């Protein structure tokens, strides 16, 4: 099993760590499989820096497709496709600064 580290915008971080949101749809630009450990680090897109908060969870399901959406270019969709990642509630905390 692999460990994958990804940054997540502040507005999406809290719902993931609280368990209110258990799936995330993203471009399939990284390889992820059921059972992998996903470490998400909260990212402040305005300040362009990490906040220091993180969460670690286990990927429970992955679904992939290449259907169109309005947020990405067709070229990116054709090249990578999407993956929907379902996670369980894990541990979270704040990194030492």
PDB file of N, CA and C in Angstrom:
ATOM      1  N   UNK A   1       0.839  -1.180   0.000  1.00  0.00           N
ATOM      2  CA  UNK A   1       0.000   0.000   0.000  1.00  0.00           C
ATOM      3  C   UNK A   1       0.886   1.246   0.000  1.00  0.00           C
ATOM      4  N   UNK A   2       0.444   2.249  -0.730  1.00  0.00           N
ATOM      5  CA  UNK A   2       1.211   3.485  -0.871  1.00  0.00           C
ATOM      6  C   UNK A   2       0.677   4.576   0.049  1.00  0.00           C
ATOM      7  N   UNK A   3       1.528   5.581   0.302  1.00  0.00           N
ATOM      8  CA  UNK A   3       1.095   6.790   0.995  1.00  0.00           C
ATOM      9  C   UNK A   3       1.125   7.921  -0.017  1.00  0.00           C
ATOM     10  N   UNK A   4       0.009   8.620  -0.172  1.00  0.00           N
ATOM     11  CA  UNK A   4      -0.120   9.718  -1.121  1.00  0.00           C
ATOM     12  C   UNK A   4      -0.368  10.996  -0.340  1.00  0.00           C
ATOM     13  N   UNK A   5       0.389  12.041  -0.644  1.00  0.00           N
ATOM     14  CA  UNK A   5       0.195  13.332   0.013  1.00  0.00           C
ATOM     15  C   UNK A   5      -0.361  14.317  -1.004  1.00  0.00           C
ATOM     16  N   UNK A   6      -1.455  15.008  -0.628  1.00  0.00           N
ATOM     17  CA  UNK A   6      -2.100  15.970  -1.514  1.00  0.00           C
ATOM     18  C   UNK A   6      -2.480  17.220  -0.729  1.00  0.00           C
ATOM     19  N   UNK A   7      -2.469  18.362  -1.411  1.00  0.00           N
ATOM     20  CA  UNK A   7      -2.963  19.573  -0.766  1.00  0.00           C
ATOM     21  C   UNK A   7      -4.442  19.724  -1.077  1.00  0.00           C
ATOM     22  N   UNK A   8      -5.178  20.286  -0.106  1.00  0.00           N
ATOM     23  CA  UNK A   8      -6.625  20.478  -0.233  1.00  0.00           C
ATOM     24  C   UNK A   8      -6.943  21.903   0.205  1.00  0.00           C
ATOM     25  N   UNK A   9      -7.712  22.609  -0.623  1.00  0.00           N
ATOM     26  CA  UNK A   9      -8.112  23.977  -0.278  1.00  0.00           C
ATOM     27  C   UNK A   9      -8.869  23.978   1.039  1.00  0.00           C
ATOM     28  N   UNK A  10      -8.732  25.093   1.771  1.00  0.00           N
ATOM     29  CA  UNK A  10      -9.321  25.222   3.105  1.00  0.00           C
ATOM     30  C   UNK A  10     -10.809  24.881   3.129  1.00  0.00           C
ATOM     31  N   UNK A  11     -11.557  25.352   2.142  1.00  0.00           N
ATOM     32  CA  UNK A  11     -13.010  25.135   2.152  1.00  0.00           C
ATOM     33  C   UNK A  11     -13.406  23.676   1.973  1.00  0.00           C
ATOM     34  N   UNK A  12     -12.505  22.840   1.478  1.00  0.00           N
ATOM     35  CA  UNK A  12     -12.794  21.413   1.298  1.00  0.00           C
ATOM     36  C   UNK A  12     -12.166  20.558   2.395  1.00  0.00           C
ATOM     37  N   UNK A  13     -11.216  21.116   3.118  1.00  0.00           N
ATOM     38  CA  UNK A  13     -10.499  20.353   4.142  1.00  0.00           C
ATOM     39  C   UNK A  13     -11.400  19.965   5.310  1.00  0.00           C
ATOM     40  N   UNK A  14     -12.073  20.931   5.900  1.00  0.00           N
ATOM     41  CA  UNK A  14     -12.890  20.677   7.094  1.00  0.00           C
ATOM     42  C   UNK A  14     -13.972  19.627   6.859  1.00  0.00           C
ATOM     43  N   UNK A  15     -14.745  19.701   5.757  1.00  0.00           N
ATOM     44  CA  UNK A  15     -15.746  18.652   5.528  1.00  0.00           C
ATOM     45  C   UNK A  15     -15.138  17.254   5.417  1.00  0.00           C
ATOM     46  N   UNK A  16     -13.916  17.160   4.890  1.00  0.00           N
ATOM     47  CA  UNK A  16     -13.262  15.852   4.796  1.00  0.00           C
ATOM     48  C   UNK A  16     -12.851  15.331   6.172  1.00  0.00           C
ATOM     49  N   UNK A  17     -12.228  16.185   6.986  1.00  0.00           N
ATOM     50  CA  UNK A  17     -11.747  15.698   8.283  1.00  0.00           C
ATOM     51  C   UNK A  17     -12.872  15.479   9.283  1.00  0.00           C
ATOM     52  N   UNK A  18     -13.987  16.178   9.111  1.00  0.00           N
ATOM     53  CA  UNK A  18     -15.115  15.984  10.028  1.00  0.00           C
ATOM     54  C   UNK A  18     -15.936  14.752   9.676  1.00  0.00           C
ATOM     55  N   UNK A  19     -15.725  14.216   8.461  1.00  0.00           N
ATOM     56  CA  UNK A  19     -16.503  13.068   8.015  1.00  0.00           C
ATOM     57  C   UNK A  19     -17.766  13.458   7.282  1.00  0.00           C
ATOM     58  N   UNK A  20     -18.066  14.777   7.192  1.00  0.00           N
ATOM     59  CA  UNK A  20     -19.257  15.240   6.478  1.00  0.00           C
ATOM     60  C   UNK A  20     -19.136  14.955   4.980  1.00  0.00           C
ATOM     61  N   UNK A  21     -17.916  14.964   4.480  1.00  0.00           N
ATOM     62  CA  UNK A  21     -17.654  14.663   3.067  1.00  0.00           C
ATOM     63  C   UNK A  21     -16.734  13.451   3.034  1.00  0.00           C
ATOM     64  N   UNK A  22     -17.183  12.385   2.379  1.00  0.00           N
ATOM     65  CA  UNK A  22     -16.379  11.167   2.343  1.00  0.00           C
ATOM     66  C   UNK A  22     -15.863  10.832   0.950  1.00  0.00           C
ATOM     67  N   UNK A  23     -16.235  11.644  -0.047  1.00  0.00           N
ATOM     68  CA  UNK A  23     -15.725  11.415  -1.401  1.00  0.00           C
ATOM     69  C   UNK A  23     -15.159  12.708  -1.951  1.00  0.00           C
ATOM     70  N   UNK A  24     -14.163  12.572  -2.822  1.00  0.00           N
ATOM     71  CA  UNK A  24     -13.547  13.722  -3.460  1.00  0.00           C
ATOM     72  C   UNK A  24     -13.350  13.394  -4.927  1.00  0.00           C
ATOM     73  N   UNK A  25     -13.761  14.313  -5.798  1.00  0.00           N
ATOM     74  CA  UNK A  25     -13.603  14.153  -7.239  1.00  0.00           C
ATOM     75  C   UNK A  25     -12.433  15.012  -7.688  1.00  0.00           C
ATOM     76  N   UNK A  26     -11.479  14.402  -8.361  1.00  0.00           N
ATOM     77  CA  UNK A  26     -10.305  15.150  -8.805  1.00  0.00           C
ATOM     78  C   UNK A  26      -9.787  14.562 -10.108  1.00  0.00           C
ATOM     79  N   UNK A  27      -8.940  15.349 -10.802  1.00  0.00           N
ATOM     80  CA  UNK A  27      -8.279  14.818 -11.979  1.00  0.00           C
ATOM     81  C   UNK A  27      -7.416  13.636 -11.573  1.00  0.00           C
ATOM     82  N   UNK A  28      -7.359  12.642 -12.413  1.00  0.00           N
ATOM     83  CA  UNK A  28      -6.595  11.424 -12.113  1.00  0.00           C
ATOM     84  C   UNK A  28      -5.130  11.616 -12.498  1.00  0.00           C
ATOM     85  N   UNK A  29      -4.481  12.632 -11.916  1.00  0.00           N
ATOM     86  CA  UNK A  29      -3.091  12.930 -12.242  1.00  0.00           C
ATOM     87  C   UNK A  29      -2.126  12.229 -11.287  1.00  0.00           C
ATOM     88  N   UNK A  30      -2.661  11.443 -10.372  1.00  0.00           N
ATOM     89  CA  UNK A  30      -1.824  10.634  -9.482  1.00  0.00           C
ATOM     90  C   UNK A  30      -2.480   9.276  -9.334  1.00  0.00           C
ATOM     91  N   UNK A  31      -1.666   8.283  -9.032  1.00  0.00           N
ATOM     92  CA  UNK A  31      -2.132   6.907  -8.924  1.00  0.00           C
ATOM     93  C   UNK A  31      -2.586   6.638  -7.492  1.00  0.00           C
ATOM     94  N   UNK A  32      -3.791   6.165  -7.325  1.00  0.00           N
ATOM     95  CA  UNK A  32      -4.328   5.856  -5.998  1.00  0.00           C
ATOM     96  C   UNK A  32      -5.160   4.585  -6.087  1.00  0.00           C
ATOM     97  N   UNK A  33      -5.101   3.778  -5.036  1.00  0.00           N
ATOM     98  CA  UNK A  33      -5.822   2.507  -4.997  1.00  0.00           C
ATOM     99  C   UNK A  33      -6.471   2.310  -3.634  1.00  0.00           C
ATOM    100  N   UNK A  34      -7.468   1.443  -3.589  1.00  0.00           N
ATOM    101  CA  UNK A  34      -8.098   1.087  -2.326  1.00  0.00           C
ATOM    102  C   UNK A  34      -7.019   0.577  -1.367  1.00  0.00           C
ATOM    103  N   UNK A  35      -7.089   1.019  -0.125  1.00  0.00           N
ATOM    104  CA  UNK A  35      -6.133   0.600   0.884  1.00  0.00           C
ATOM    105  C   UNK A  35      -4.950   1.543   1.045  1.00  0.00           C
ATOM    106  N   UNK A  36      -4.742   2.449   0.078  1.00  0.00           N
ATOM    107  CA  UNK A  36      -3.661   3.426   0.200  1.00  0.00           C
ATOM    108  C   UNK A  36      -3.965   4.401   1.332  1.00  0.00           C
ATOM    109  N   UNK A  37      -2.918   4.961   1.915  1.00  0.00           N
ATOM    110  CA  UNK A  37      -3.061   6.007   2.909  1.00  0.00           C
ATOM    111  C   UNK A  37      -3.027   7.350   2.206  1.00  0.00           C
ATOM    112  N   UNK A  38      -4.029   8.171   2.420  1.00  0.00           N
ATOM    113  CA  UNK A  38      -4.106   9.503   1.826  1.00  0.00           C
ATOM    114  C   UNK A  38      -3.866  10.534   2.927  1.00  0.00           C
ATOM    115  N   UNK A  39      -2.803  11.309   2.768  1.00  0.00           N
ATOM    116  CA  UNK A  39      -2.488  12.381   3.710  1.00  0.00           C
ATOM    117  C   UNK A  39      -2.818  13.689   3.007  1.00  0.00           C
ATOM    118  N   UNK A  40      -3.808  14.408   3.548  1.00  0.00           N
ATOM    119  CA  UNK A  40      -4.179  15.692   2.953  1.00  0.00           C
ATOM    120  C   UNK A  40      -3.671  16.805   3.856  1.00  0.00           C
ATOM    121  N   UNK A  41      -3.132  17.838   3.228  1.00  0.00           N
ATOM    122  CA  UNK A  41      -2.612  18.993   3.956  1.00  0.00           C
ATOM    123  C   UNK A  41      -3.416  20.213   3.517  1.00  0.00           C
ATOM    124  N   UNK A  42      -3.940  20.946   4.497  1.00  0.00           N
ATOM    125  CA  UNK A  42      -4.790  22.105   4.218  1.00  0.00           C
ATOM    126  C   UNK A  42      -3.956  23.209   3.548  1.00  0.00           C
ATOM    127  N   UNK A  43      -4.471  23.747   2.432  1.00  0.00           N
ATOM    128  CA  UNK A  43      -3.791  24.746   1.622  1.00  0.00           C
ATOM    129  C   UNK A  43      -4.619  26.026   1.563  1.00  0.00           C
ATOM    130  N   UNK A  44      -3.994  27.159   1.871  1.00  0.00           N
ATOM    131  CA  UNK A  44      -4.651  28.461   1.748  1.00  0.00           C
ATOM    132  C   UNK A  44      -4.314  28.996   0.363  1.00  0.00           C
ATOM    133  N   UNK A  45      -5.292  28.937  -0.550  1.00  0.00           N
ATOM    134  CA  UNK A  45      -5.032  29.330  -1.945  1.00  0.00           C
ATOM    135  C   UNK A  45      -4.778  30.829  -2.087  1.00  0.00           C
ATOM    136  N   UNK A  46      -5.290  31.635  -1.168  1.00  0.00           N
ATOM    137  CA  UNK A  46      -5.064  33.080  -1.249  1.00  0.00           C
ATOM    138  C   UNK A  46      -3.640  33.441  -0.819  1.00  0.00           C
ATOM    139  N   UNK A  47      -3.174  32.808   0.257  1.00  0.00           N
ATOM    140  CA  UNK A  47      -1.817  33.071   0.755  1.00  0.00           C
ATOM    141  C   UNK A  47      -0.770  32.200   0.064  1.00  0.00           C
ATOM    142  N   UNK A  48      -1.251  31.195  -0.683  1.00  0.00           N
ATOM    143  CA  UNK A  48      -0.381  30.245  -1.381  1.00  0.00           C
ATOM    144  C   UNK A  48       0.604  29.568  -0.426  1.00  0.00           C
ATOM    145  N   UNK A  49       0.037  29.033   0.666  1.00  0.00           N
ATOM    146  CA  UNK A  49       0.849  28.357   1.664  1.00  0.00           C
ATOM    147  C   UNK A  49       0.006  27.316   2.415  1.00  0.00           C
ATOM    148  N   UNK A  50       0.681  26.362   3.026  1.00  0.00           N
ATOM    149  CA  UNK A  50      -0.008  25.389   3.869  1.00  0.00           C
ATOM    150  C   UNK A  50      -0.364  26.030   5.209  1.00  0.00           C
ATOM    151  N   UNK A  51      -1.488  25.614   5.803  1.00  0.00           N
ATOM    152  CA  UNK A  51      -1.925  26.156   7.092  1.00  0.00           C
ATOM    153  C   UNK A  51      -1.277  25.423   8.256  1.00  0.00           C
ATOM    154  N   UNK A  52      -0.772  24.240   8.020  1.00  0.00           N
ATOM    155  CA  UNK A  52      -0.202  23.419   9.081  1.00  0.00           C
ATOM    156  C   UNK A  52      -1.126  22.296   9.517  1.00  0.00           C
ATOM    157  N   UNK A  53      -2.405  22.353   9.126  1.00  0.00           N
ATOM    158  CA  UNK A  53      -3.336  21.272   9.482  1.00  0.00           C
ATOM    159  C   UNK A  53      -3.231  20.161   8.443  1.00  0.00           C
ATOM    160  N   UNK A  54      -3.390  18.933   8.908  1.00  0.00           N
ATOM    161  CA  UNK A  54      -3.330  17.792   8.004  1.00  0.00           C
ATOM    162  C   UNK A  54      -4.301  16.717   8.484  1.00  0.00           C
ATOM    163  N   UNK A  55      -4.605  15.773   7.614  1.00  0.00           N
ATOM    164  CA  UNK A  55      -5.424  14.619   7.960  1.00  0.00           C
ATOM    165  C   UNK A  55      -4.863  13.409   7.232  1.00  0.00           C
ATOM    166  N   UNK A  56      -4.970  12.277   7.876  1.00  0.00           N
ATOM    167  CA  UNK A  56      -4.506  11.019   7.298  1.00  0.00           C
ATOM    168  C   UNK A  56      -5.659  10.036   7.338  1.00  0.00           C
ATOM    169  N   UNK A  57      -5.936   9.394   6.206  1.00  0.00           N
ATOM    170  CA  UNK A  57      -7.055   8.467   6.139  1.00  0.00           C
ATOM    171  C   UNK A  57      -6.733   7.346   5.152  1.00  0.00           C
ATOM    172  N   UNK A  58      -7.541   6.329   5.152  1.00  0.00           N
ATOM    173  CA  UNK A  58      -7.369   5.195   4.254  1.00  0.00           C
ATOM    174  C   UNK A  58      -8.380   5.312   3.121  1.00  0.00           C
ATOM    175  N   UNK A  59      -7.917   5.118   1.898  1.00  0.00           N
ATOM    176  CA  UNK A  59      -8.795   5.133   0.728  1.00  0.00           C
ATOM    177  C   UNK A  59      -9.603   3.841   0.743  1.00  0.00           C
ATOM    178  N   UNK A  60     -10.935   3.974   0.691  1.00  0.00           N
ATOM    179  CA  UNK A  60     -11.797   2.789   0.726  1.00  0.00           C
ATOM    180  C   UNK A  60     -12.330   2.391  -0.642  1.00  0.00           C
ATOM    181  N   UNK A  61     -12.439   3.345  -1.567  1.00  0.00           N
ATOM    182  CA  UNK A  61     -12.899   3.038  -2.927  1.00  0.00           C
ATOM    183  C   UNK A  61     -12.350   4.075  -3.892  1.00  0.00           C
ATOM    184  N   UNK A  62     -12.148   3.679  -5.166  1.00  0.00           N
ATOM    185  CA  UNK A  62     -11.718   4.593  -6.225  1.00  0.00           C
ATOM    186  C   UNK A  62     -12.536   4.276  -7.474  1.00  0.00           C
ATOM    187  N   UNK A  63     -13.146   5.298  -8.065  1.00  0.00           N
ATOM    188  CA  UNK A  63     -13.879   5.163  -9.318  1.00  0.00           C
ATOM    189  C   UNK A  63     -13.248   6.106 -10.329  1.00  0.00           C
ATOM    190  N   UNK A  64     -13.068   5.652 -11.564  1.00  0.00           N
ATOM    191  CA  UNK A  64     -12.431   6.486 -12.579  1.00  0.00           C
ATOM    192  C   UNK A  64     -13.331   6.597 -13.805  1.00  0.00           C
ATOM    193  N   UNK A  65     -13.298   7.803 -14.459  1.00  0.00           N
ATOM    194  CA  UNK A  65     -14.011   7.995 -15.721  1.00  0.00           C
ATOM    195  C   UNK A  65     -13.373   9.150 -16.488  1.00  0.00           C
ATOM    196  N   UNK A  66     -13.862   9.402 -17.701  1.00  0.00           N
ATOM    197  CA  UNK A  66     -13.333  10.492 -18.533  1.00  0.00           C
ATOM    198  C   UNK A  66     -14.468  11.338 -19.101  1.00  0.00           C
ATOM    199  N   UNK A  67     -15.511  11.550 -18.314  1.00  0.00           N
ATOM    200  CA  UNK A  67     -16.625  12.372 -18.776  1.00  0.00           C
ATOM    201  C   UNK A  67     -16.316  13.848 -18.614  1.00  0.00           C
ATOM    202  N   UNK A  68     -16.952  14.665 -19.416  1.00  0.00           N
ATOM    203  CA  UNK A  68     -16.732  16.112 -19.451  1.00  0.00           C
ATOM    204  C   UNK A  68     -17.308  16.797 -18.209  1.00  0.00           C
ATOM    205  N   UNK A  69     -16.684  17.884 -17.807  1.00  0.00           N
ATOM    206  CA  UNK A  69     -17.264  18.773 -16.810  1.00  0.00           C
ATOM    207  C   UNK A  69     -16.875  20.206 -17.155  1.00  0.00           C
ATOM    208  N   UNK A  70     -17.450  21.173 -16.475  1.00  0.00           N
ATOM    209  CA  UNK A  70     -17.259  22.576 -16.851  1.00  0.00           C
ATOM    210  C   UNK A  70     -16.048  23.228 -16.198  1.00  0.00           C
ATOM    211  N   UNK A  71     -15.316  22.517 -15.337  1.00  0.00           N
ATOM    212  CA  UNK A  71     -14.203  23.122 -14.610  1.00  0.00           C
ATOM    213  C   UNK A  71     -12.837  22.865 -15.230  1.00  0.00           C
ATOM    214  N   UNK A  72     -12.720  21.861 -16.057  1.00  0.00           N
ATOM    215  CA  UNK A  72     -11.429  21.522 -16.630  1.00  0.00           C
ATOM    216  C   UNK A  72     -11.501  21.533 -18.145  1.00  0.00           C
ATOM    217  N   UNK A  73     -10.343  21.725 -18.769  1.00  0.00           N
ATOM    218  CA  UNK A  73     -10.303  21.715 -20.230  1.00  0.00           C
ATOM    219  C   UNK A  73     -10.513  20.286 -20.736  1.00  0.00           C
ATOM    220  N   UNK A  74     -11.054  20.175 -21.925  1.00  0.00           N
ATOM    221  CA  UNK A  74     -11.274  18.858 -22.514  1.00  0.00           C
ATOM    222  C   UNK A  74      -9.947  18.129 -22.700  1.00  0.00           C
ATOM    223  N   UNK A  75      -8.887  18.875 -22.971  1.00  0.00           N
ATOM    224  CA  UNK A  75      -7.567  18.267 -23.145  1.00  0.00           C
ATOM    225  C   UNK A  75      -7.119  17.560 -21.852  1.00  0.00           C
ATOM    226  N   UNK A  76      -7.304  18.220 -20.694  1.00  0.00           N
ATOM    227  CA  UNK A  76      -6.952  17.595 -19.408  1.00  0.00           C
ATOM    228  C   UNK A  76      -7.815  16.371 -19.142  1.00  0.00           C
ATOM    229  N   UNK A  77      -9.103  16.477 -19.435  1.00  0.00           N
ATOM    230  CA  UNK A  77     -10.017  15.360 -19.208  1.00  0.00           C
ATOM    231  C   UNK A  77      -9.615  14.179 -20.080  1.00  0.00           C
ATOM    232  N   UNK A  78      -9.323  14.442 -21.366  1.00  0.00           N
ATOM    233  CA  UNK A  78      -8.920  13.371 -22.271  1.00  0.00           C
ATOM    234  C   UNK A  78      -7.619  12.720 -21.826  1.00  0.00           C
ATOM    235  N   UNK A  79      -6.690  13.530 -21.324  1.00  0.00           N
ATOM    236  CA  UNK A  79      -5.387  13.007 -20.927  1.00  0.00           C
ATOM    237  C   UNK A  79      -5.453  12.213 -19.626  1.00  0.00           C
ATOM    238  N   UNK A  80      -6.124  12.752 -18.606  1.00  0.00           N
ATOM    239  CA  UNK A  80      -6.084  12.143 -17.284  1.00  0.00           C
ATOM    240  C   UNK A  80      -7.374  11.453 -16.868  1.00  0.00           C
ATOM    241  N   UNK A  81      -8.524  12.007 -17.244  1.00  0.00           N
ATOM    242  CA  UNK A  81      -9.790  11.515 -16.723  1.00  0.00           C
ATOM    243  C   UNK A  81      -9.956  11.960 -15.278  1.00  0.00           C
ATOM    244  N   UNK A  82     -10.985  11.463 -14.628  1.00  0.00           N
ATOM    245  CA  UNK A  82     -11.279  11.796 -13.240  1.00  0.00           C
ATOM    246  C   UNK A  82     -11.174  10.559 -12.381  1.00  0.00           C
ATOM    247  N   UNK A  83     -10.979  10.781 -11.106  1.00  0.00           N
ATOM    248  CA  UNK A  83     -11.121   9.709 -10.140  1.00  0.00           C
ATOM    249  C   UNK A  83     -11.884  10.240  -8.942  1.00  0.00           C
ATOM    250  N   UNK A  84     -12.821   9.450  -8.486  1.00  0.00           N
ATOM    251  CA  UNK A  84     -13.566   9.790  -7.282  1.00  0.00           C
ATOM    252  C   UNK A  84     -13.002   8.910  -6.181  1.00  0.00           C
ATOM    253  N   UNK A  85     -12.518   9.537  -5.128  1.00  0.00           N
ATOM    254  CA  UNK A  85     -11.860   8.825  -4.048  1.00  0.00           C
ATOM    255  C   UNK A  85     -12.749   8.864  -2.819  1.00  0.00           C
ATOM    256  N   UNK A  86     -13.078   7.696  -2.278  1.00  0.00           N
ATOM    257  CA  UNK A  86     -13.864   7.611  -1.055  1.00  0.00           C
ATOM    258  C   UNK A  86     -12.917   7.264   0.080  1.00  0.00           C
ATOM    259  N   UNK A  87     -13.046   8.016   1.180  1.00  0.00           N
ATOM    260  CA  UNK A  87     -12.152   7.815   2.319  1.00  0.00           C
ATOM    261  C   UNK A  87     -12.949   7.601   3.590  1.00  0.00           C
ATOM    262  N   UNK A  88     -12.317   6.977   4.548  1.00  0.00           N
ATOM    263  CA  UNK A  88     -12.889   6.839   5.875  1.00  0.00           C
ATOM    264  C   UNK A  88     -12.357   7.956   6.760  1.00  0.00           C
ATOM    265  N   UNK A  89     -12.983   8.161   7.884  1.00  0.00           N
ATOM    266  CA  UNK A  89     -12.502   9.173   8.832  1.00  0.00           C
ATOM    267  C   UNK A  89     -11.227   8.644   9.468  1.00  0.00           C
ATOM    268  N   UNK A  90     -10.214   9.472   9.513  1.00  0.00           N
ATOM    269  CA  UNK A  90      -8.929   9.052  10.063  1.00  0.00           C
ATOM    270  C   UNK A  90      -8.466   9.989  11.150  1.00  0.00           C
ATOM    271  N   UNK A  91      -7.155  10.071  11.324  1.00  0.00           N
ATOM    272  CA  UNK A  91      -6.612  10.977  12.320  1.00  0.00           C
ATOM    273  C   UNK A  91      -6.227  12.291  11.664  1.00  0.00           C
ATOM    274  N   UNK A  92      -6.205  13.364  12.453  1.00  0.00           N
ATOM    275  CA  UNK A  92      -5.817  14.650  11.914  1.00  0.00           C
ATOM    276  C   UNK A  92      -5.189  15.481  13.017  1.00  0.00           C
ATOM    277  N   UNK A  93      -4.473  16.509  12.608  1.00  0.00           N
ATOM    278  CA  UNK A  93      -3.793  17.343  13.588  1.00  0.00           C
ATOM    279  C   UNK A  93      -3.144  18.539  12.943  1.00  0.00           C
ATOM    280  N   UNK A  94      -2.171  19.119  13.645  1.00  0.00           N
ATOM    281  CA  UNK A  94      -1.449  20.281  13.160  1.00  0.00           C
ATOM    282  C   UNK A  94       0.039  19.974  13.186  1.00  0.00           C
ATOM    283  N   UNK A  95       0.711  20.315  12.081  1.00  0.00           N
ATOM    284  CA  UNK A  95       2.146  20.097  11.991  1.00  0.00           C
ATOM    285  C   UNK A  95       2.884  21.153  12.809  1.00  0.00           C
ATOM    286  N   UNK A  96       4.020  20.786  13.333  1.00  0.00           N
ATOM    287  CA  UNK A  96       4.854  21.749  14.057  1.00  0.00           C
ATOM    288  C   UNK A  96       5.391  22.764  13.063  1.00  0.00           C
ATOM    289  N   UNK A  97       5.341  24.034  13.421  1.00  0.00           N
ATOM    290  CA  UNK A  97       5.806  25.105  12.527  1.00  0.00           C
ATOM    291  C   UNK A  97       7.275  25.365  12.694  1.00  0.00           C
TER     292      UNK A  97
END
